[in-house]
Amino acid sequence: MRVEISEYIVVDTEICHGKPTFKGTRIMVWQVLEMLKTGYGFEDILREFPPLTVEHIKATLDFAAKKIAGERLVPA
């Protein structure tokens, strides 16, 4: 089962055990959040994960903010 969380983030039970990933990749959202937490900047992340763009990183932050705020992440 595949659920689109946003323009950039999906959850697919067949990919990475259903953890949120970026569309078309096996890069998990938590990996980018962890990098930001440890002090990586956007440019560092983009160097590590060439398929990503600044918009992907912003989508990661938006995803985290909504999750913490308790907002519904999947369409009804």
PDB file of N, CA and C in Angstrom:
ATOM      1  N   MET A   1       0.841  -1.183   0.000  1.00  0.00           N
ATOM      2  CA  MET A   1       0.000   0.000   0.000  1.00  0.00           C
ATOM      3  C   MET A   1       0.888   1.249   0.000  1.00  0.00           C
ATOM      4  N   ARG A   2       0.545   2.202  -0.815  1.00  0.00           N
ATOM      5  CA  ARG A   2       1.312   3.443  -0.931  1.00  0.00           C
ATOM      6  C   ARG A   2       0.403   4.626  -0.601  1.00  0.00           C
ATOM      7  N   VAL A   3       0.914   5.515   0.260  1.00  0.00           N
ATOM      8  CA  VAL A   3       0.172   6.719   0.639  1.00  0.00           C
ATOM      9  C   VAL A   3       1.081   7.919   0.396  1.00  0.00           C
ATOM     10  N   GLU A   4       0.571   8.887  -0.341  1.00  0.00           N
ATOM     11  CA  GLU A   4       1.332  10.114  -0.577  1.00  0.00           C
ATOM     12  C   GLU A   4       1.065  11.077   0.573  1.00  0.00           C
ATOM     13  N   ILE A   5       2.122  11.427   1.283  1.00  0.00           N
ATOM     14  CA  ILE A   5       2.021  12.346   2.413  1.00  0.00           C
ATOM     15  C   ILE A   5       2.055  13.785   1.917  1.00  0.00           C
ATOM     16  N   SER A   6       2.911  14.026   0.928  1.00  0.00           N
ATOM     17  CA  SER A   6       3.034  15.355   0.337  1.00  0.00           C
ATOM     18  C   SER A   6       3.553  15.190  -1.080  1.00  0.00           C
ATOM     19  N   GLU A   7       3.836  16.283  -1.721  1.00  0.00           N
ATOM     20  CA  GLU A   7       4.393  16.261  -3.073  1.00  0.00           C
ATOM     21  C   GLU A   7       5.722  15.506  -3.115  1.00  0.00           C
ATOM     22  N   TYR A   8       6.427  15.464  -1.988  1.00  0.00           N
ATOM     23  CA  TYR A   8       7.770  14.893  -1.943  1.00  0.00           C
ATOM     24  C   TYR A   8       7.896  13.620  -1.107  1.00  0.00           C
ATOM     25  N   ILE A   9       6.964  13.366  -0.225  1.00  0.00           N
ATOM     26  CA  ILE A   9       7.105  12.276   0.749  1.00  0.00           C
ATOM     27  C   ILE A   9       5.989  11.245   0.575  1.00  0.00           C
ATOM     28  N   VAL A  10       6.387   9.967   0.606  1.00  0.00           N
ATOM     29  CA  VAL A  10       5.424   8.872   0.508  1.00  0.00           C
ATOM     30  C   VAL A  10       5.707   7.832   1.589  1.00  0.00           C
ATOM     31  N   VAL A  11       4.684   7.048   1.877  1.00  0.00           N
ATOM     32  CA  VAL A  11       4.834   5.873   2.732  1.00  0.00           C
ATOM     33  C   VAL A  11       4.359   4.698   1.882  1.00  0.00           C
ATOM     34  N   ASP A  12       5.239   3.734   1.686  1.00  0.00           N
ATOM     35  CA  ASP A  12       4.921   2.556   0.880  1.00  0.00           C
ATOM     36  C   ASP A  12       5.354   1.335   1.672  1.00  0.00           C
ATOM     37  N   THR A  13       4.411   0.460   1.958  1.00  0.00           N
ATOM     38  CA  THR A  13       4.719  -0.719   2.770  1.00  0.00           C
ATOM     39  C   THR A  13       5.756  -1.618   2.106  1.00  0.00           C
ATOM     40  N   GLU A  14       5.980  -1.459   0.808  1.00  0.00           N
ATOM     41  CA  GLU A  14       6.961  -2.267   0.082  1.00  0.00           C
ATOM     42  C   GLU A  14       8.353  -1.643   0.069  1.00  0.00           C
ATOM     43  N   ILE A  15       8.486  -0.430   0.563  1.00  0.00           N
ATOM     44  CA  ILE A  15       9.775   0.279   0.530  1.00  0.00           C
ATOM     45  C   ILE A  15      10.165   0.672   1.947  1.00  0.00           C
ATOM     46  N   CYS A  16      11.369   0.299   2.349  1.00  0.00           N
ATOM     47  CA  CYS A  16      11.942   0.673   3.653  1.00  0.00           C
ATOM     48  C   CYS A  16      10.993   0.376   4.818  1.00  0.00           C
ATOM     49  N   HIS A  17      10.330  -0.778   4.746  1.00  0.00           N
ATOM     50  CA  HIS A  17       9.447  -1.235   5.824  1.00  0.00           C
ATOM     51  C   HIS A  17       8.338  -0.233   6.156  1.00  0.00           C
ATOM     52  N   GLY A  18       7.914   0.535   5.150  1.00  0.00           N
ATOM     53  CA  GLY A  18       6.809   1.468   5.355  1.00  0.00           C
ATOM     54  C   GLY A  18       7.177   2.775   6.035  1.00  0.00           C
ATOM     55  N   LYS A  19       8.468   3.044   6.179  1.00  0.00           N
ATOM     56  CA  LYS A  19       8.895   4.323   6.762  1.00  0.00           C
ATOM     57  C   LYS A  19       8.751   5.417   5.700  1.00  0.00           C
ATOM     58  N   PRO A  20       8.481   6.658   6.096  1.00  0.00           N
ATOM     59  CA  PRO A  20       8.366   7.741   5.112  1.00  0.00           C
ATOM     60  C   PRO A  20       9.680   7.922   4.338  1.00  0.00           C
ATOM     61  N   THR A  21       9.546   7.952   3.013  1.00  0.00           N
ATOM     62  CA  THR A  21      10.691   8.160   2.125  1.00  0.00           C
ATOM     63  C   THR A  21      10.357   9.266   1.137  1.00  0.00           C
ATOM     64  N   PHE A  22      11.366   9.694   0.408  1.00  0.00           N
ATOM     65  CA  PHE A  22      11.154  10.680  -0.647  1.00  0.00           C
ATOM     66  C   PHE A  22      10.782   9.948  -1.926  1.00  0.00           C
ATOM     67  N   LYS A  23       9.773  10.450  -2.624  1.00  0.00           N
ATOM     68  CA  LYS A  23       9.283   9.804  -3.842  1.00  0.00           C
ATOM     69  C   LYS A  23      10.437   9.443  -4.768  1.00  0.00           C
ATOM     70  N   GLY A  24      10.380   8.218  -5.257  1.00  0.00           N
ATOM     71  CA  GLY A  24      11.359   7.767  -6.230  1.00  0.00           C
ATOM     72  C   GLY A  24      12.718   7.412  -5.654  1.00  0.00           C
ATOM     73  N   THR A  25      12.842   7.396  -4.328  1.00  0.00           N
ATOM     74  CA  THR A  25      14.121   7.066  -3.686  1.00  0.00           C
ATOM     75  C   THR A  25      13.884   6.097  -2.537  1.00  0.00           C
ATOM     76  N   ARG A  26      14.962   5.645  -1.950  1.00  0.00           N
ATOM     77  CA  ARG A  26      14.899   4.872  -0.710  1.00  0.00           C
ATOM     78  C   ARG A  26      15.517   5.693   0.432  1.00  0.00           C
ATOM     79  N   ILE A  27      15.569   6.994   0.224  1.00  0.00           N
ATOM     80  CA  ILE A  27      16.081   7.900   1.255  1.00  0.00           C
ATOM     81  C   ILE A  27      14.936   8.163   2.223  1.00  0.00           C
ATOM     82  N   MET A  28      15.181   7.861   3.493  1.00  0.00           N
ATOM     83  CA  MET A  28      14.129   8.004   4.497  1.00  0.00           C
ATOM     84  C   MET A  28      14.158   9.404   5.125  1.00  0.00           C
ATOM     85  N   VAL A  29      12.978   9.902   5.411  1.00  0.00           N
ATOM     86  CA  VAL A  29      12.816  11.235   5.989  1.00  0.00           C
ATOM     87  C   VAL A  29      13.618  11.360   7.287  1.00  0.00           C
ATOM     88  N   TRP A  30      13.617  10.330   8.113  1.00  0.00           N
ATOM     89  CA  TRP A  30      14.327  10.403   9.393  1.00  0.00           C
ATOM     90  C   TRP A  30      15.825  10.639   9.179  1.00  0.00           C
ATOM     91  N   GLN A  31      16.375  10.157   8.077  1.00  0.00           N
ATOM     92  CA  GLN A  31      17.805  10.359   7.818  1.00  0.00           C
ATOM     93  C   GLN A  31      18.131  11.847   7.670  1.00  0.00           C
ATOM     94  N   VAL A  32      17.277  12.566   6.963  1.00  0.00           N
ATOM     95  CA  VAL A  32      17.495  14.002   6.770  1.00  0.00           C
ATOM     96  C   VAL A  32      17.285  14.743   8.083  1.00  0.00           C
ATOM     97  N   LEU A  33      16.265  14.357   8.847  1.00  0.00           N
ATOM     98  CA  LEU A  33      16.041  14.994  10.151  1.00  0.00           C
ATOM     99  C   LEU A  33      17.241  14.773  11.076  1.00  0.00           C
ATOM    100  N   GLU A  34      17.765  13.581  11.070  1.00  0.00           N
ATOM    101  CA  GLU A  34      18.937  13.270  11.895  1.00  0.00           C
ATOM    102  C   GLU A  34      20.141  14.124  11.482  1.00  0.00           C
ATOM    103  N   MET A  35      20.325  14.293  10.190  1.00  0.00           N
ATOM    104  CA  MET A  35      21.432  15.120   9.703  1.00  0.00           C
ATOM    105  C   MET A  35      21.266  16.577  10.146  1.00  0.00           C
ATOM    106  N   LEU A  36      20.043  17.089  10.037  1.00  0.00           N
ATOM    107  CA  LEU A  36      19.788  18.462  10.484  1.00  0.00           C
ATOM    108  C   LEU A  36      20.063  18.597  11.974  1.00  0.00           C
ATOM    109  N   LYS A  37      19.636  17.592  12.749  1.00  0.00           N
ATOM    110  CA  LYS A  37      19.836  17.609  14.206  1.00  0.00           C
ATOM    111  C   LYS A  37      21.321  17.665  14.564  1.00  0.00           C
ATOM    112  N   THR A  38      22.134  16.969  13.797  1.00  0.00           N
ATOM    113  CA  THR A  38      23.563  16.904  14.123  1.00  0.00           C
ATOM    114  C   THR A  38      24.364  18.050  13.511  1.00  0.00           C
ATOM    115  N   GLY A  39      23.669  18.995  12.881  1.00  0.00           N
ATOM    116  CA  GLY A  39      24.353  20.197  12.421  1.00  0.00           C
ATOM    117  C   GLY A  39      24.648  20.285  10.931  1.00  0.00           C
ATOM    118  N   TYR A  40      24.226  19.297  10.175  1.00  0.00           N
ATOM    119  CA  TYR A  40      24.412  19.381   8.727  1.00  0.00           C
ATOM    120  C   TYR A  40      23.564  20.526   8.191  1.00  0.00           C
ATOM    121  N   GLY A  41      24.100  21.249   7.239  1.00  0.00           N
ATOM    122  CA  GLY A  41      23.340  22.286   6.560  1.00  0.00           C
ATOM    123  C   GLY A  41      22.677  21.721   5.312  1.00  0.00           C
ATOM    124  N   PHE A  42      21.830  22.516   4.701  1.00  0.00           N
ATOM    125  CA  PHE A  42      21.148  22.071   3.483  1.00  0.00           C
ATOM    126  C   PHE A  42      22.155  21.610   2.429  1.00  0.00           C
ATOM    127  N   GLU A  43      23.203  22.392   2.217  1.00  0.00           N
ATOM    128  CA  GLU A  43      24.202  22.051   1.188  1.00  0.00           C
ATOM    129  C   GLU A  43      24.866  20.707   1.491  1.00  0.00           C
ATOM    130  N   ASP A  44      25.152  20.448   2.763  1.00  0.00           N
ATOM    131  CA  ASP A  44      25.753  19.164   3.159  1.00  0.00           C
ATOM    132  C   ASP A  44      24.819  18.004   2.806  1.00  0.00           C
ATOM    133  N   ILE A  45      23.558  18.173   3.123  1.00  0.00           N
ATOM    134  CA  ILE A  45      22.576  17.126   2.864  1.00  0.00           C
ATOM    135  C   ILE A  45      22.437  16.884   1.363  1.00  0.00           C
ATOM    136  N   LEU A  46      22.400  17.955   0.607  1.00  0.00           N
ATOM    137  CA  LEU A  46      22.272  17.823  -0.848  1.00  0.00           C
ATOM    138  C   LEU A  46      23.492  17.138  -1.459  1.00  0.00           C
ATOM    139  N   ARG A  47      24.647  17.346  -0.859  1.00  0.00           N
ATOM    140  CA  ARG A  47      25.863  16.666  -1.315  1.00  0.00           C
ATOM    141  C   ARG A  47      25.793  15.168  -1.005  1.00  0.00           C
ATOM    142  N   GLU A  48      25.286  14.823   0.167  1.00  0.00           N
ATOM    143  CA  GLU A  48      25.166  13.422   0.581  1.00  0.00           C
ATOM    144  C   GLU A  48      24.090  12.674  -0.211  1.00  0.00           C
ATOM    145  N   PHE A  49      23.019  13.376  -0.533  1.00  0.00           N
ATOM    146  CA  PHE A  49      21.878  12.773  -1.234  1.00  0.00           C
ATOM    147  C   PHE A  49      21.558  13.581  -2.497  1.00  0.00           C
ATOM    148  N   PRO A  50      22.317  13.382  -3.567  1.00  0.00           N
ATOM    149  CA  PRO A  50      22.127  14.167  -4.801  1.00  0.00           C
ATOM    150  C   PRO A  50      20.708  14.169  -5.388  1.00  0.00           C
ATOM    151  N   PRO A  51      19.902  13.105  -5.182  1.00  0.00           N
ATOM    152  CA  PRO A  51      18.545  13.173  -5.751  1.00  0.00           C
ATOM    153  C   PRO A  51      17.648  14.217  -5.080  1.00  0.00           C
ATOM    154  N   LEU A  52      18.008  14.670  -3.882  1.00  0.00           N
ATOM    155  CA  LEU A  52      17.165  15.612  -3.148  1.00  0.00           C
ATOM    156  C   LEU A  52      17.412  17.049  -3.569  1.00  0.00           C
ATOM    157  N   THR A  53      16.417  17.886  -3.309  1.00  0.00           N
ATOM    158  CA  THR A  53      16.512  19.323  -3.547  1.00  0.00           C
ATOM    159  C   THR A  53      16.210  20.047  -2.236  1.00  0.00           C
ATOM    160  N   VAL A  54      16.369  21.344  -2.250  1.00  0.00           N
ATOM    161  CA  VAL A  54      16.025  22.155  -1.082  1.00  0.00           C
ATOM    162  C   VAL A  54      14.558  21.934  -0.716  1.00  0.00           C
ATOM    163  N   GLU A  55      13.711  21.775  -1.707  1.00  0.00           N
ATOM    164  CA  GLU A  55      12.284  21.565  -1.450  1.00  0.00           C
ATOM    165  C   GLU A  55      12.035  20.262  -0.689  1.00  0.00           C
ATOM    166  N   HIS A  56      12.827  19.233  -0.960  1.00  0.00           N
ATOM    167  CA  HIS A  56      12.702  17.983  -0.203  1.00  0.00           C
ATOM    168  C   HIS A  56      13.019  18.221   1.279  1.00  0.00           C
ATOM    169  N   ILE A  57      14.064  18.986   1.537  1.00  0.00           N
ATOM    170  CA  ILE A  57      14.464  19.253   2.926  1.00  0.00           C
ATOM    171  C   ILE A  57      13.381  20.072   3.637  1.00  0.00           C
ATOM    172  N   LYS A  58      12.835  21.045   2.942  1.00  0.00           N
ATOM    173  CA  LYS A  58      11.744  21.836   3.517  1.00  0.00           C
ATOM    174  C   LYS A  58      10.525  20.958   3.785  1.00  0.00           C
ATOM    175  N   ALA A  59      10.248  20.013   2.888  1.00  0.00           N
ATOM    176  CA  ALA A  59       9.130  19.083   3.092  1.00  0.00           C
ATOM    177  C   ALA A  59       9.376  18.223   4.321  1.00  0.00           C
ATOM    178  N   THR A  60      10.634  17.874   4.574  1.00  0.00           N
ATOM    179  CA  THR A  60      10.991  17.108   5.768  1.00  0.00           C
ATOM    180  C   THR A  60      10.642  17.887   7.022  1.00  0.00           C
ATOM    181  N   LEU A  61      11.001  19.153   7.055  1.00  0.00           N
ATOM    182  CA  LEU A  61      10.715  19.992   8.220  1.00  0.00           C
ATOM    183  C   LEU A  61       9.210  20.191   8.396  1.00  0.00           C
ATOM    184  N   ASP A  62       8.510  20.361   7.285  1.00  0.00           N
ATOM    185  CA  ASP A  62       7.056  20.507   7.335  1.00  0.00           C
ATOM    186  C   ASP A  62       6.414  19.226   7.868  1.00  0.00           C
ATOM    187  N   PHE A  63       6.885  18.084   7.390  1.00  0.00           N
ATOM    188  CA  PHE A  63       6.392  16.791   7.859  1.00  0.00           C
ATOM    189  C   PHE A  63       6.579  16.659   9.368  1.00  0.00           C
ATOM    190  N   ALA A  64       7.769  16.975   9.854  1.00  0.00           N
ATOM    191  CA  ALA A  64       8.066  16.865  11.289  1.00  0.00           C
ATOM    192  C   ALA A  64       7.187  17.813  12.101  1.00  0.00           C
ATOM    193  N   ALA A  65       7.037  19.040  11.631  1.00  0.00           N
ATOM    194  CA  ALA A  65       6.226  20.023  12.352  1.00  0.00           C
ATOM    195  C   ALA A  65       4.774  19.562  12.454  1.00  0.00           C
ATOM    196  N   LYS A  66       4.228  19.058  11.353  1.00  0.00           N
ATOM    197  CA  LYS A  66       2.839  18.587  11.360  1.00  0.00           C
ATOM    198  C   LYS A  66       2.678  17.367  12.254  1.00  0.00           C
ATOM    199  N   LYS A  67       3.650  16.484  12.213  1.00  0.00           N
ATOM    200  CA  LYS A  67       3.600  15.276  13.049  1.00  0.00           C
ATOM    201  C   LYS A  67       3.580  15.659  14.530  1.00  0.00           C
ATOM    202  N   ILE A  68       4.445  16.580  14.920  1.00  0.00           N
ATOM    203  CA  ILE A  68       4.513  17.018  16.310  1.00  0.00           C
ATOM    204  C   ILE A  68       3.243  17.753  16.714  1.00  0.00           C
ATOM    205  N   ALA A  69       2.683  18.529  15.791  1.00  0.00           N
ATOM    206  CA  ALA A  69       1.463  19.283  16.095  1.00  0.00           C
ATOM    207  C   ALA A  69       0.232  18.376  16.134  1.00  0.00           C
ATOM    208  N   GLY A  70       0.415  17.126  15.719  1.00  0.00           N
ATOM    209  CA  GLY A  70      -0.699  16.197  15.761  1.00  0.00           C
ATOM    210  C   GLY A  70      -1.647  16.314  14.578  1.00  0.00           C
ATOM    211  N   GLU A  71      -1.189  16.977  13.517  1.00  0.00           N
ATOM    212  CA  GLU A  71      -2.037  17.117  12.344  1.00  0.00           C
ATOM    213  C   GLU A  71      -2.139  15.792  11.603  1.00  0.00           C
ATOM    214  N   ARG A  72      -3.258  15.602  10.960  1.00  0.00           N
ATOM    215  CA  ARG A  72      -3.455  14.413  10.131  1.00  0.00           C
ATOM    216  C   ARG A  72      -2.536  14.537   8.906  1.00  0.00           C
ATOM    217  N   LEU A  73      -1.713  13.528   8.678  1.00  0.00           N
ATOM    218  CA  LEU A  73      -0.738  13.586   7.586  1.00  0.00           C
ATOM    219  C   LEU A  73      -1.228  12.947   6.303  1.00  0.00           C
ATOM    220  N   VAL A  74      -2.190  12.077   6.405  1.00  0.00           N
ATOM    221  CA  VAL A  74      -2.710  11.425   5.209  1.00  0.00           C
ATOM    222  C   VAL A  74      -4.111  11.927   4.920  1.00  0.00           C
ATOM    223  N   PRO A  75      -4.405  12.107   3.644  1.00  0.00           N
ATOM    224  CA  PRO A  75      -5.748  12.578   3.297  1.00  0.00           C
ATOM    225  C   PRO A  75      -6.820  11.619   3.814  1.00  0.00           C
ATOM    226  N   ALA A  76      -7.955  12.166   4.198  1.00  0.00           N
ATOM    227  CA  ALA A  76      -9.071  11.336   4.705  1.00  0.00           C
ATOM    228  C   ALA A  76      -9.698  10.512   3.616  1.00  0.00           C
TER     229      ALA A  76
END
